[in-house]
Amino acid sequence: MAGSYPNLALDKKIYENAKILDMGFGDGRNFTLLKNLGVKIYDVEITDEIVQSTQKKAEFNGIDCELKVGNNVDIPYPNEHFDIILASSSMFQITLTTQLLNT
C-alpha cells in the first residue's frame, strides 16, 4: 500500500470501472494507485500465504480487491476477462528466476 502518487497525471475517466489484473501483486504496493484510478482490482499471486497476508492489508486499508492464487501460465480467470493487465515486477522476477534455473 505504497501511496497515491500525487504527481502522476492520469485521466481517471479512461480507467474508471475497468477490470485490471495486477499479476504478481506481492505486498499490494499498487493497490492505492489502482483504487484511486477507480478500477476494479483483480490480483494473482503464486502462494496462498501471500494472498492471505495481502488480503488483510487491503481490508485494513479499505481497498476492495479480489485476490487469487495462480501464475502467469495458469491465471484463474476466463479469457478476455480484463481490460488491463499490470505485471511490472512479476515479469522481471519470472525472467530472473528463469535465468537462474538455466545456469
Protein backbone atom coordinates (compact mmCIF):
# COMPACT_ATOMS: atom_id res chain seq x y z
CA MET A 1 0.00 0.00 0.00
CA ALA A 2 2.68 2.41 -1.12
CA GLY A 3 0.73 5.57 -1.74
CA SER A 4 -1.40 7.67 -4.02
CA TYR A 5 1.26 9.05 -6.41
CA PRO A 6 0.01 12.68 -6.17
CA ASN A 7 2.12 13.96 -9.10
CA LEU A 8 1.01 11.26 -11.52
CA ALA A 9 -1.18 12.91 -14.15
CA LEU A 10 -3.64 10.33 -15.47
CA ASP A 11 -7.12 10.83 -16.85
CA LYS A 12 -9.17 8.79 -14.39
CA LYS A 13 -12.12 8.71 -16.80
CA ILE A 14 -10.15 6.33 -19.04
CA TYR A 15 -9.73 3.80 -16.24
CA GLU A 16 -12.99 4.16 -14.33
CA ASN A 17 -14.59 0.73 -13.76
CA ALA A 18 -12.02 -1.02 -15.98
CA LYS A 19 -11.13 -4.51 -14.81
CA ILE A 20 -7.40 -4.73 -14.10
CA LEU A 21 -5.31 -7.77 -13.30
CA ASP A 22 -2.33 -6.93 -11.10
CA MET A 23 -0.21 -10.01 -11.88
CA GLY A 24 2.18 -10.83 -9.05
CA PHE A 25 0.87 -8.16 -6.66
CA GLY A 26 3.27 -9.04 -3.81
CA ASP A 27 2.62 -6.73 -0.88
CA GLY A 28 -0.10 -4.77 -2.70
CA ARG A 29 2.05 -1.74 -3.42
CA ASN A 30 -0.08 -0.76 -6.46
CA PHE A 31 -3.46 -1.09 -4.73
CA THR A 32 -3.76 2.54 -3.59
CA LEU A 33 -2.99 3.85 -7.07
CA LEU A 34 -5.45 1.41 -8.65
CA LYS A 35 -8.15 2.29 -6.12
CA ASN A 36 -7.64 6.00 -6.82
CA LEU A 37 -7.97 5.35 -10.56
CA GLY A 38 -11.38 3.77 -9.95
CA VAL A 39 -10.59 0.40 -11.50
CA LYS A 40 -11.95 -2.96 -10.37
CA ILE A 41 -8.91 -4.71 -8.90
CA TYR A 42 -8.20 -8.40 -9.50
CA ASP A 43 -4.96 -9.97 -8.41
CA VAL A 44 -2.99 -13.17 -8.85
CA GLU A 45 -0.03 -14.30 -6.76
CA ILE A 46 1.82 -17.63 -6.50
CA THR A 47 1.10 -18.66 -2.89
CA ASP A 48 -1.87 -18.69 -0.58
CA GLU A 49 0.31 -17.16 2.15
CA ILE A 50 0.94 -14.05 0.04
CA VAL A 51 -2.74 -13.84 -0.87
CA GLN A 52 -3.88 -14.09 2.77
CA SER A 53 -1.31 -11.61 4.07
CA THR A 54 -2.02 -9.01 1.41
CA GLN A 55 -5.80 -9.51 1.69
CA LYS A 56 -5.57 -8.49 5.35
CA LYS A 57 -3.61 -5.35 4.41
CA ALA A 58 -6.10 -4.47 1.67
CA GLU A 59 -9.07 -4.88 4.02
CA PHE A 60 -7.35 -2.80 6.70
CA ASN A 61 -6.80 -0.02 4.13
CA GLY A 62 -10.35 -0.19 2.75
CA ILE A 63 -9.29 -1.49 -0.65
CA ASP A 64 -11.76 -3.76 -2.41
CA CYS A 65 -9.93 -6.36 -4.49
CA GLU A 66 -10.21 -10.00 -5.50
CA LEU A 67 -7.02 -11.95 -4.73
CA LYS A 68 -6.41 -15.45 -6.06
CA VAL A 69 -3.59 -17.97 -6.22
CA GLY A 70 -2.23 -18.59 -9.71
CA ASN A 71 0.65 -17.77 -12.02
CA ASN A 72 1.28 -16.39 -15.48
CA VAL A 73 0.67 -19.79 -17.07
CA ASP A 74 -2.45 -20.56 -15.06
CA ILE A 75 -4.45 -17.37 -14.49
CA PRO A 76 -7.65 -18.36 -12.64
CA TYR A 77 -9.96 -16.17 -14.73
CA PRO A 78 -11.62 -16.70 -18.11
CA ASN A 79 -10.01 -15.42 -21.31
CA GLU A 80 -10.70 -11.78 -22.15
CA HIS A 81 -11.88 -11.04 -18.58
CA PHE A 82 -9.63 -7.99 -18.11
CA ASP A 83 -9.34 -4.60 -19.76
CA ILE A 84 -5.80 -4.03 -18.43
CA ILE A 85 -3.00 -6.29 -17.17
CA LEU A 86 -0.32 -4.86 -14.90
CA ALA A 87 2.75 -7.08 -14.46
CA SER A 88 5.55 -4.73 -13.55
CA SER A 89 7.68 -6.61 -11.02
CA SER A 90 6.37 -10.10 -11.75
CA MET A 91 7.74 -10.18 -15.29
CA PHE A 92 11.17 -9.17 -14.00
CA GLN A 93 11.01 -11.89 -11.34
CA ILE A 94 9.98 -14.56 -13.87
CA THR A 95 12.83 -13.59 -16.17
CA LEU A 96 15.39 -13.55 -13.35
CA THR A 97 14.19 -16.90 -11.97
CA THR A 98 14.29 -18.49 -15.44
CA GLN A 99 17.83 -17.23 -15.98
CA LEU A 100 18.96 -18.61 -12.61
CA LEU A 101 17.38 -22.00 -13.27
CA ASN A 102 19.04 -22.25 -16.68
CA THR A 103 22.58 -21.57 -15.40
